[in-house]
């Protein structure tokens, strides 16, 4: 595996969950990390933890839906460490409900954070990558971006949009030293579900497999060391994407059986993402 001691990675949604775990894991392998998120206190605590372990890190308070904030994240990474090798677009949030239950303003916000945040992050990073002739864009999507599940149609749609963006960019940079990866985690133990319950009153559970943020972070570190177009941290989840192509009707019934269920009634929606 390639050494990360001279690499610099900028990560959005880095105050918790997969973003934070990936920042810590990358720093442990020698990369300098720039953590971007809205919660300054969480960011500062993460930087202290990384520096206490001998790593290099800086924090940028930002909102991924703002173009200027994404540009500031990239500029700060370059100013602090002299280069930028990886941009990981990770910030996102979800909503559980039927299409009729999903308020249009929540859908718009979800598209702004989950998709537009990735678009703006990539748009800010690519001029730097082009200028230095190398770079790695990582979009943290979801397995539901490959195969939608019941009652999360809006969230699945935003994650599918990320996947389509990644595929288009991969084809543009095929054969170059600019890499694009889309990550498809399964249900992961993060603040994602707690935030959904806190902000929308949705306590969601399911029968499917789970994975830890540490597991996903280890897979992402390996992908930075050896880039690949798609990353399925849970080994068996790739089979679901293939099965959906081969037998979509059967897969419809399968994901309904093993999908998620709501354990509490929806409350009035409020904005929230990790």
C-alpha atoms as a PDB file:
ATOM      1  CA  UNK A   1       0.000   0.000   0.000  1.00  0.00           C
ATOM      2  CA  UNK A   2       1.190   3.522  -0.807  1.00  0.00           C
ATOM      3  CA  UNK A   3       2.384   5.708   2.046  1.00  0.00           C
ATOM      4  CA  UNK A   4       0.113   8.608   3.008  1.00  0.00           C
ATOM      5  CA  UNK A   5       2.791  10.640   4.783  1.00  0.00           C
ATOM      6  CA  UNK A   6       2.850  13.273   2.026  1.00  0.00           C
ATOM      7  CA  UNK A   7      -0.894  13.305   1.315  1.00  0.00           C
ATOM      8  CA  UNK A   8      -3.433  15.972   2.265  1.00  0.00           C
ATOM      9  CA  UNK A   9      -7.132  15.139   2.555  1.00  0.00           C
ATOM     10  CA  UNK A  10     -10.099  17.491   3.009  1.00  0.00           C
ATOM     11  CA  UNK A  11     -13.300  15.928   4.362  1.00  0.00           C
ATOM     12  CA  UNK A  12     -16.800  17.369   4.678  1.00  0.00           C
ATOM     13  CA  UNK A  13     -19.228  16.200   7.332  1.00  0.00           C
ATOM     14  CA  UNK A  14     -16.133  15.513   9.423  1.00  0.00           C
ATOM     15  CA  UNK A  15     -17.531  16.316  12.862  1.00  0.00           C
ATOM     16  CA  UNK A  16     -18.942  12.806  13.352  1.00  0.00           C
ATOM     17  CA  UNK A  17     -19.646   9.437  11.769  1.00  0.00           C
ATOM     18  CA  UNK A  18     -17.848   8.203   8.677  1.00  0.00           C
ATOM     19  CA  UNK A  19     -16.241  11.600   8.061  1.00  0.00           C
ATOM     20  CA  UNK A  20     -14.646  11.818  11.503  1.00  0.00           C
ATOM     21  CA  UNK A  21     -13.612   8.155  11.540  1.00  0.00           C
ATOM     22  CA  UNK A  22     -12.002   8.553   8.116  1.00  0.00           C
ATOM     23  CA  UNK A  23     -10.136  11.702   9.189  1.00  0.00           C
ATOM     24  CA  UNK A  24      -8.715   9.904  12.230  1.00  0.00           C
ATOM     25  CA  UNK A  25      -7.809   6.823  10.191  1.00  0.00           C
ATOM     26  CA  UNK A  26      -6.119   8.849   7.444  1.00  0.00           C
ATOM     27  CA  UNK A  27      -4.182  10.904  10.004  1.00  0.00           C
ATOM     28  CA  UNK A  28      -3.069   7.691  11.695  1.00  0.00           C
ATOM     29  CA  UNK A  29      -1.550   6.630   8.348  1.00  0.00           C
ATOM     30  CA  UNK A  30       0.353   9.918   8.083  1.00  0.00           C
ATOM     31  CA  UNK A  31      -1.956  12.090   5.984  1.00  0.00           C
ATOM     32  CA  UNK A  32      -2.639  15.695   6.922  1.00  0.00           C
ATOM     33  CA  UNK A  33      -6.388  16.229   7.230  1.00  0.00           C
ATOM     34  CA  UNK A  34      -8.674  19.232   6.912  1.00  0.00           C
ATOM     35  CA  UNK A  35     -11.989  18.713   8.669  1.00  0.00           C
ATOM     36  CA  UNK A  36     -15.008  20.632   7.426  1.00  0.00           C
ATOM     37  CA  UNK A  37     -18.434  20.762   9.115  1.00  0.00           C
ATOM     38  CA  UNK A  38     -20.847  23.159  10.821  1.00  0.00           C
ATOM     39  CA  UNK A  39     -20.209  22.206  14.452  1.00  0.00           C
ATOM     40  CA  UNK A  40     -17.092  24.079  15.500  1.00  0.00           C
ATOM     41  CA  UNK A  41     -16.857  22.506  18.931  1.00  0.00           C
ATOM     42  CA  UNK A  42     -16.862  18.996  17.471  1.00  0.00           C
ATOM     43  CA  UNK A  43     -14.267  19.969  14.875  1.00  0.00           C
ATOM     44  CA  UNK A  44     -11.934  21.483  17.463  1.00  0.00           C
ATOM     45  CA  UNK A  45     -12.227  18.372  19.635  1.00  0.00           C
ATOM     46  CA  UNK A  46     -11.373  16.181  16.632  1.00  0.00           C
ATOM     47  CA  UNK A  47      -8.329  18.275  15.782  1.00  0.00           C
ATOM     48  CA  UNK A  48      -7.100  18.012  19.376  1.00  0.00           C
ATOM     49  CA  UNK A  49      -7.546  14.235  19.291  1.00  0.00           C
ATOM     50  CA  UNK A  50      -5.632  13.887  16.029  1.00  0.00           C
ATOM     51  CA  UNK A  51      -2.824  16.193  17.124  1.00  0.00           C
ATOM     52  CA  UNK A  52      -2.529  14.415  20.491  1.00  0.00           C
ATOM     53  CA  UNK A  53      -1.892  11.204  18.555  1.00  0.00           C
ATOM     54  CA  UNK A  54       0.857  12.897  16.532  1.00  0.00           C
ATOM     55  CA  UNK A  55      -1.197  13.747  13.466  1.00  0.00           C
ATOM     56  CA  UNK A  56      -1.688  16.955  11.503  1.00  0.00           C
ATOM     57  CA  UNK A  57      -5.127  18.532  11.245  1.00  0.00           C
ATOM     58  CA  UNK A  58      -6.973  21.813  10.850  1.00  0.00           C
ATOM     59  CA  UNK A  59     -10.696  22.587  11.143  1.00  0.00           C
ATOM     60  CA  UNK A  60     -12.887  24.699   8.876  1.00  0.00           C
ATOM     61  CA  UNK A  61     -16.392  25.635   9.960  1.00  0.00           C
ATOM     62  CA  UNK A  62     -18.485  25.416   6.815  1.00  0.00           C
ATOM     63  CA  UNK A  63     -21.809  24.619   5.174  1.00  0.00           C
ATOM     64  CA  UNK A  64     -21.467  22.336   2.153  1.00  0.00           C
ATOM     65  CA  UNK A  65     -24.404  24.009   0.392  1.00  0.00           C
ATOM     66  CA  UNK A  66     -22.422  27.250   0.067  1.00  0.00           C
ATOM     67  CA  UNK A  67     -20.029  27.509  -2.856  1.00  0.00           C
ATOM     68  CA  UNK A  68     -17.752  29.951  -1.035  1.00  0.00           C
ATOM     69  CA  UNK A  69     -17.402  27.575   1.926  1.00  0.00           C
ATOM     70  CA  UNK A  70     -16.310  24.707  -0.318  1.00  0.00           C
ATOM     71  CA  UNK A  71     -13.777  26.965  -2.001  1.00  0.00           C
ATOM     72  CA  UNK A  72     -12.535  28.055   1.422  1.00  0.00           C
ATOM     73  CA  UNK A  73     -12.081  24.434   2.492  1.00  0.00           C
ATOM     74  CA  UNK A  74      -9.903  23.734  -0.527  1.00  0.00           C
ATOM     75  CA  UNK A  75      -7.949  26.980  -0.184  1.00  0.00           C
ATOM     76  CA  UNK A  76      -7.364  26.342   3.527  1.00  0.00           C
ATOM     77  CA  UNK A  77      -5.973  22.888   2.835  1.00  0.00           C
ATOM     78  CA  UNK A  78      -3.579  24.275   0.259  1.00  0.00           C
ATOM     79  CA  UNK A  79      -2.554  27.160   2.513  1.00  0.00           C
ATOM     80  CA  UNK A  80      -1.991  24.959   5.565  1.00  0.00           C
ATOM     81  CA  UNK A  81      -0.185  22.055   3.908  1.00  0.00           C
ATOM     82  CA  UNK A  82       0.909  23.223   0.452  1.00  0.00           C
ATOM     83  CA  UNK A  83      -1.156  20.801  -1.597  1.00  0.00           C
ATOM     84  CA  UNK A  84      -4.418  18.855  -1.740  1.00  0.00           C
ATOM     85  CA  UNK A  85      -4.615  15.200  -2.748  1.00  0.00           C
ATOM     86  CA  UNK A  86      -8.023  13.983  -1.589  1.00  0.00           C
ATOM     87  CA  UNK A  87     -11.416  15.628  -1.263  1.00  0.00           C
ATOM     88  CA  UNK A  88     -14.000  13.437   0.435  1.00  0.00           C
ATOM     89  CA  UNK A  89     -17.584  14.667   0.019  1.00  0.00           C
ATOM     90  CA  UNK A  90     -19.333  13.024   2.934  1.00  0.00           C
ATOM     91  CA  UNK A  91     -21.857  15.415   4.504  1.00  0.00           C
ATOM     92  CA  UNK A  92     -25.458  14.273   4.288  1.00  0.00           C
ATOM     93  CA  UNK A  93     -28.743  13.553   6.061  1.00  0.00           C
ATOM     94  CA  UNK A  94     -31.806  11.390   5.485  1.00  0.00           C
ATOM     95  CA  UNK A  95     -35.579  11.360   5.780  1.00  0.00           C
ATOM     96  CA  UNK A  96     -37.918   8.396   6.187  1.00  0.00           C
ATOM     97  CA  UNK A  97     -41.437   8.409   4.795  1.00  0.00           C
ATOM     98  CA  UNK A  98     -43.677   7.847   1.809  1.00  0.00           C
ATOM     99  CA  UNK A  99     -43.463  10.262  -1.076  1.00  0.00           C
ATOM    100  CA  UNK A 100     -46.631  11.973   0.143  1.00  0.00           C
ATOM    101  CA  UNK A 101     -45.179  12.251   3.654  1.00  0.00           C
ATOM    102  CA  UNK A 102     -41.970  13.888   2.459  1.00  0.00           C
ATOM    103  CA  UNK A 103     -42.279  17.700   2.625  1.00  0.00           C
ATOM    104  CA  UNK A 104     -40.940  19.397  -0.517  1.00  0.00           C
ATOM    105  CA  UNK A 105     -38.754  21.703   1.598  1.00  0.00           C
ATOM    106  CA  UNK A 106     -37.093  18.657   3.201  1.00  0.00           C
ATOM    107  CA  UNK A 107     -36.500  17.124  -0.219  1.00  0.00           C
ATOM    108  CA  UNK A 108     -34.945  20.345  -1.473  1.00  0.00           C
ATOM    109  CA  UNK A 109     -32.684  20.568   1.567  1.00  0.00           C
ATOM    110  CA  UNK A 110     -31.692  16.919   1.195  1.00  0.00           C
ATOM    111  CA  UNK A 111     -30.784  17.484  -2.445  1.00  0.00           C
ATOM    112  CA  UNK A 112     -28.848  20.620  -1.499  1.00  0.00           C
ATOM    113  CA  UNK A 113     -26.808  18.870   1.191  1.00  0.00           C
ATOM    114  CA  UNK A 114     -26.399  15.367  -0.214  1.00  0.00           C
ATOM    115  CA  UNK A 115     -25.994  16.117  -3.907  1.00  0.00           C
ATOM    116  CA  UNK A 116     -25.228  19.809  -4.336  1.00  0.00           C
ATOM    117  CA  UNK A 117     -22.701  19.620  -1.490  1.00  0.00           C
ATOM    118  CA  UNK A 118     -20.835  16.946  -3.452  1.00  0.00           C
ATOM    119  CA  UNK A 119     -21.113  18.916  -6.684  1.00  0.00           C
ATOM    120  CA  UNK A 120     -19.730  22.061  -5.048  1.00  0.00           C
ATOM    121  CA  UNK A 121     -16.961  20.151  -3.280  1.00  0.00           C
ATOM    122  CA  UNK A 122     -15.836  18.560  -6.533  1.00  0.00           C
ATOM    123  CA  UNK A 123     -16.124  21.852  -8.391  1.00  0.00           C
ATOM    124  CA  UNK A 124     -13.852  23.531  -5.841  1.00  0.00           C
ATOM    125  CA  UNK A 125     -11.301  20.707  -5.871  1.00  0.00           C
ATOM    126  CA  UNK A 126     -10.920  20.033  -9.582  1.00  0.00           C
ATOM    127  CA  UNK A 127      -8.975  23.211 -10.525  1.00  0.00           C
ATOM    128  CA  UNK A 128      -6.367  22.275  -7.906  1.00  0.00           C
ATOM    129  CA  UNK A 129      -6.243  18.668  -9.105  1.00  0.00           C
ATOM    130  CA  UNK A 130      -5.911  19.754 -12.723  1.00  0.00           C
ATOM    131  CA  UNK A 131      -3.117  22.199 -11.879  1.00  0.00           C
ATOM    132  CA  UNK A 132      -1.054  19.608  -9.990  1.00  0.00           C
ATOM    133  CA  UNK A 133      -1.939  16.781 -12.382  1.00  0.00           C
ATOM    134  CA  UNK A 134      -3.320  14.452  -9.714  1.00  0.00           C
ATOM    135  CA  UNK A 135      -6.017  14.105  -7.081  1.00  0.00           C
ATOM    136  CA  UNK A 136      -8.718  11.849  -5.723  1.00  0.00           C
ATOM    137  CA  UNK A 137     -12.405  12.713  -5.352  1.00  0.00           C
ATOM    138  CA  UNK A 138     -14.372  10.464  -3.003  1.00  0.00           C
ATOM    139  CA  UNK A 139     -18.166  10.658  -2.821  1.00  0.00           C
ATOM    140  CA  UNK A 140     -19.716   8.892   0.164  1.00  0.00           C
ATOM    141  CA  UNK A 141     -23.013   7.674  -1.256  1.00  0.00           C
ATOM    142  CA  UNK A 142     -25.001   4.720   0.136  1.00  0.00           C
ATOM    143  CA  UNK A 143     -26.013   1.280  -1.011  1.00  0.00           C
ATOM    144  CA  UNK A 144     -29.485   2.801  -1.460  1.00  0.00           C
ATOM    145  CA  UNK A 145     -27.920   4.924  -4.193  1.00  0.00           C
ATOM    146  CA  UNK A 146     -27.488   1.680  -6.114  1.00  0.00           C
ATOM    147  CA  UNK A 147     -30.786   0.128  -5.068  1.00  0.00           C
ATOM    148  CA  UNK A 148     -33.574   2.206  -3.564  1.00  0.00           C
ATOM    149  CA  UNK A 149     -35.444   0.938  -0.517  1.00  0.00           C
ATOM    150  CA  UNK A 150     -39.034   1.469   0.621  1.00  0.00           C
ATOM    151  CA  UNK A 151     -39.937   4.772   2.257  1.00  0.00           C
ATOM    152  CA  UNK A 152     -36.564   6.409   1.607  1.00  0.00           C
ATOM    153  CA  UNK A 153     -37.159   7.406  -2.001  1.00  0.00           C
ATOM    154  CA  UNK A 154     -35.984  10.991  -1.557  1.00  0.00           C
ATOM    155  CA  UNK A 155     -32.770  10.014   0.191  1.00  0.00           C
ATOM    156  CA  UNK A 156     -32.122   7.201  -2.312  1.00  0.00           C
ATOM    157  CA  UNK A 157     -32.573   9.674  -5.171  1.00  0.00           C
ATOM    158  CA  UNK A 158     -29.957  12.061  -3.786  1.00  0.00           C
ATOM    159  CA  UNK A 159     -27.496   9.208  -3.338  1.00  0.00           C
ATOM    160  CA  UNK A 160     -28.154   7.989  -6.886  1.00  0.00           C
ATOM    161  CA  UNK A 161     -27.383  11.507  -8.084  1.00  0.00           C
ATOM    162  CA  UNK A 162     -24.007  11.325  -6.333  1.00  0.00           C
ATOM    163  CA  UNK A 163     -23.301   8.006  -8.054  1.00  0.00           C
ATOM    164  CA  UNK A 164     -24.177   9.404 -11.486  1.00  0.00           C
ATOM    165  CA  UNK A 165     -21.932  12.409 -10.911  1.00  0.00           C
ATOM    166  CA  UNK A 166     -19.069  10.110  -9.925  1.00  0.00           C
ATOM    167  CA  UNK A 167     -19.524   7.953 -13.029  1.00  0.00           C
ATOM    168  CA  UNK A 168     -19.524  10.970 -15.328  1.00  0.00           C
ATOM    169  CA  UNK A 169     -16.375  12.402 -13.755  1.00  0.00           C
ATOM    170  CA  UNK A 170     -14.631   9.019 -13.855  1.00  0.00           C
ATOM    171  CA  UNK A 171     -15.163   8.841 -17.598  1.00  0.00           C
ATOM    172  CA  UNK A 172     -13.828  12.384 -18.021  1.00  0.00           C
ATOM    173  CA  UNK A 173     -10.619  11.574 -16.162  1.00  0.00           C
ATOM    174  CA  UNK A 174     -10.168   7.967 -17.285  1.00  0.00           C
ATOM    175  CA  UNK A 175      -6.506   7.209 -17.913  1.00  0.00           C
ATOM    176  CA  UNK A 176      -5.294  10.212 -15.906  1.00  0.00           C
ATOM    177  CA  UNK A 177      -3.921  10.580 -12.378  1.00  0.00           C
ATOM    178  CA  UNK A 178      -7.173  12.149 -11.196  1.00  0.00           C
ATOM    179  CA  UNK A 179      -9.260   9.416  -9.583  1.00  0.00           C
ATOM    180  CA  UNK A 180     -12.950   9.397  -8.669  1.00  0.00           C
ATOM    181  CA  UNK A 181     -14.467   6.903  -6.223  1.00  0.00           C
ATOM    182  CA  UNK A 182     -18.048   6.403  -5.090  1.00  0.00           C
ATOM    183  CA  UNK A 183     -18.440   4.677  -1.722  1.00  0.00           C
ATOM    184  CA  UNK A 184     -21.563   2.601  -1.035  1.00  0.00           C
ATOM    185  CA  UNK A 185     -21.840   1.860   2.708  1.00  0.00           C
ATOM    186  CA  UNK A 186     -24.682  -0.212   4.086  1.00  0.00           C
ATOM    187  CA  UNK A 187     -26.484   0.924   7.252  1.00  0.00           C
ATOM    188  CA  UNK A 188     -23.731   2.264   9.472  1.00  0.00           C
ATOM    189  CA  UNK A 189     -23.745   3.006  13.194  1.00  0.00           C
ATOM    190  CA  UNK A 190     -23.406   6.812  13.150  1.00  0.00           C
ATOM    191  CA  UNK A 191     -25.436   9.844  14.258  1.00  0.00           C
ATOM    192  CA  UNK A 192     -27.430   9.479  11.024  1.00  0.00           C
ATOM    193  CA  UNK A 193     -30.352   7.598  12.601  1.00  0.00           C
ATOM    194  CA  UNK A 194     -30.227   9.583  15.827  1.00  0.00           C
ATOM    195  CA  UNK A 195     -30.364  12.820  13.816  1.00  0.00           C
ATOM    196  CA  UNK A 196     -33.344  11.529  11.840  1.00  0.00           C
ATOM    197  CA  UNK A 197     -35.172  10.731  15.067  1.00  0.00           C
ATOM    198  CA  UNK A 198     -34.194  14.032  16.694  1.00  0.00           C
ATOM    199  CA  UNK A 199     -35.099  16.259  13.753  1.00  0.00           C
ATOM    200  CA  UNK A 200     -38.041  14.405  12.207  1.00  0.00           C
ATOM    201  CA  UNK A 201     -39.341  12.010  14.857  1.00  0.00           C
ATOM    202  CA  UNK A 202     -38.343   8.926  12.848  1.00  0.00           C
ATOM    203  CA  UNK A 203     -36.910   6.089  14.915  1.00  0.00           C
ATOM    204  CA  UNK A 204     -35.932   3.744  12.083  1.00  0.00           C
ATOM    205  CA  UNK A 205     -34.839   0.139  12.435  1.00  0.00           C
ATOM    206  CA  UNK A 206     -34.341  -2.784  10.065  1.00  0.00           C
ATOM    207  CA  UNK A 207     -33.313  -6.401   9.671  1.00  0.00           C
ATOM    208  CA  UNK A 208     -30.419  -5.917   7.276  1.00  0.00           C
ATOM    209  CA  UNK A 209     -26.696  -6.101   8.051  1.00  0.00           C
ATOM    210  CA  UNK A 210     -24.812  -3.300   9.816  1.00  0.00           C
ATOM    211  CA  UNK A 211     -21.247  -2.049   9.793  1.00  0.00           C
ATOM    212  CA  UNK A 212     -19.184   0.230  12.015  1.00  0.00           C
ATOM    213  CA  UNK A 213     -17.720   3.585  11.044  1.00  0.00           C
ATOM    214  CA  UNK A 214     -14.256   2.148  11.756  1.00  0.00           C
ATOM    215  CA  UNK A 215     -14.865  -0.575   9.180  1.00  0.00           C
ATOM    216  CA  UNK A 216     -15.896   1.961   6.541  1.00  0.00           C
ATOM    217  CA  UNK A 217     -12.953   4.222   7.421  1.00  0.00           C
ATOM    218  CA  UNK A 218     -10.463   1.369   6.995  1.00  0.00           C
ATOM    219  CA  UNK A 219     -11.911   0.633   3.567  1.00  0.00           C
ATOM    220  CA  UNK A 220     -11.642   4.303   2.573  1.00  0.00           C
ATOM    221  CA  UNK A 221      -8.006   4.492   3.709  1.00  0.00           C
ATOM    222  CA  UNK A 222      -7.201   1.420   1.592  1.00  0.00           C
ATOM    223  CA  UNK A 223      -8.964   3.072  -1.358  1.00  0.00           C
ATOM    224  CA  UNK A 224      -6.897   6.244  -0.953  1.00  0.00           C
ATOM    225  CA  UNK A 225      -3.776   4.093  -0.968  1.00  0.00           C
ATOM    226  CA  UNK A 226      -4.974   2.149  -3.997  1.00  0.00           C
ATOM    227  CA  UNK A 227      -7.780   4.008  -5.816  1.00  0.00           C
ATOM    228  CA  UNK A 228     -10.734   2.128  -7.244  1.00  0.00           C
ATOM    229  CA  UNK A 229     -13.859   3.352  -9.080  1.00  0.00           C
ATOM    230  CA  UNK A 230     -16.378   1.945  -6.595  1.00  0.00           C
ATOM    231  CA  UNK A 231     -16.041   0.897  -2.978  1.00  0.00           C
ATOM    232  CA  UNK A 232     -18.440  -1.443  -1.180  1.00  0.00           C
ATOM    233  CA  UNK A 233     -17.171  -1.625   2.427  1.00  0.00           C
ATOM    234  CA  UNK A 234     -19.601  -4.464   3.155  1.00  0.00           C
ATOM    235  CA  UNK A 235     -18.430  -7.255   0.907  1.00  0.00           C
ATOM    236  CA  UNK A 236     -21.836  -8.737   0.174  1.00  0.00           C
ATOM    237  CA  UNK A 237     -23.578  -5.477  -0.698  1.00  0.00           C
ATOM    238  CA  UNK A 238     -22.172  -5.388  -4.242  1.00  0.00           C
ATOM    239  CA  UNK A 239     -24.260  -8.490  -4.931  1.00  0.00           C
ATOM    240  CA  UNK A 240     -27.424  -6.488  -4.229  1.00  0.00           C
ATOM    241  CA  UNK A 241     -26.533  -3.994  -6.951  1.00  0.00           C
ATOM    242  CA  UNK A 242     -25.892  -6.837  -9.407  1.00  0.00           C
ATOM    243  CA  UNK A 243     -29.061  -8.682  -8.377  1.00  0.00           C
ATOM    244  CA  UNK A 244     -31.082  -5.532  -8.995  1.00  0.00           C
ATOM    245  CA  UNK A 245     -29.888  -5.484 -12.618  1.00  0.00           C
ATOM    246  CA  UNK A 246     -30.472  -9.188 -13.201  1.00  0.00           C
ATOM    247  CA  UNK A 247     -33.761  -9.584 -11.309  1.00  0.00           C
ATOM    248  CA  UNK A 248     -35.294  -6.226 -10.378  1.00  0.00           C
ATOM    249  CA  UNK A 249     -38.720  -7.626  -9.495  1.00  0.00           C
ATOM    250  CA  UNK A 250     -37.256 -10.169  -7.102  1.00  0.00           C
ATOM    251  CA  UNK A 251     -35.068  -7.437  -5.597  1.00  0.00           C
ATOM    252  CA  UNK A 252     -38.153  -5.276  -5.031  1.00  0.00           C
ATOM    253  CA  UNK A 253     -39.589  -7.988  -2.818  1.00  0.00           C
ATOM    254  CA  UNK A 254     -36.265  -8.658  -1.119  1.00  0.00           C
ATOM    255  CA  UNK A 255     -35.597  -5.079  -0.049  1.00  0.00           C
ATOM    256  CA  UNK A 256     -39.184  -4.701   1.127  1.00  0.00           C
ATOM    257  CA  UNK A 257     -38.751  -7.743   3.356  1.00  0.00           C
ATOM    258  CA  UNK A 258     -35.434  -6.600   4.774  1.00  0.00           C
ATOM    259  CA  UNK A 259     -36.021  -2.857   4.561  1.00  0.00           C
ATOM    260  CA  UNK A 260     -36.381  -0.399   7.385  1.00  0.00           C
ATOM    261  CA  UNK A 261     -39.427   0.322   9.493  1.00  0.00           C
ATOM    262  CA  UNK A 262     -40.454   3.410  11.395  1.00  0.00           C
ATOM    263  CA  UNK A 263     -40.722   2.953  15.153  1.00  0.00           C
ATOM    264  CA  UNK A 264     -42.201   6.375  15.914  1.00  0.00           C
ATOM    265  CA  UNK A 265     -44.635   8.719  14.248  1.00  0.00           C
ATOM    266  CA  UNK A 266     -43.242  11.602  12.270  1.00  0.00           C
ATOM    267  CA  UNK A 267     -43.088  14.978  13.922  1.00  0.00           C
ATOM    268  CA  UNK A 268     -42.837  18.384  12.284  1.00  0.00           C
ATOM    269  CA  UNK A 269     -39.617  18.330  10.204  1.00  0.00           C
ATOM    270  CA  UNK A 270     -36.632  20.473  11.120  1.00  0.00           C
ATOM    271  CA  UNK A 271     -33.337  20.872   9.278  1.00  0.00           C
ATOM    272  CA  UNK A 272     -30.509  18.609  10.367  1.00  0.00           C
ATOM    273  CA  UNK A 273     -27.531  16.750   8.963  1.00  0.00           C
ATOM    274  CA  UNK A 274     -24.279  15.381  10.251  1.00  0.00           C
END
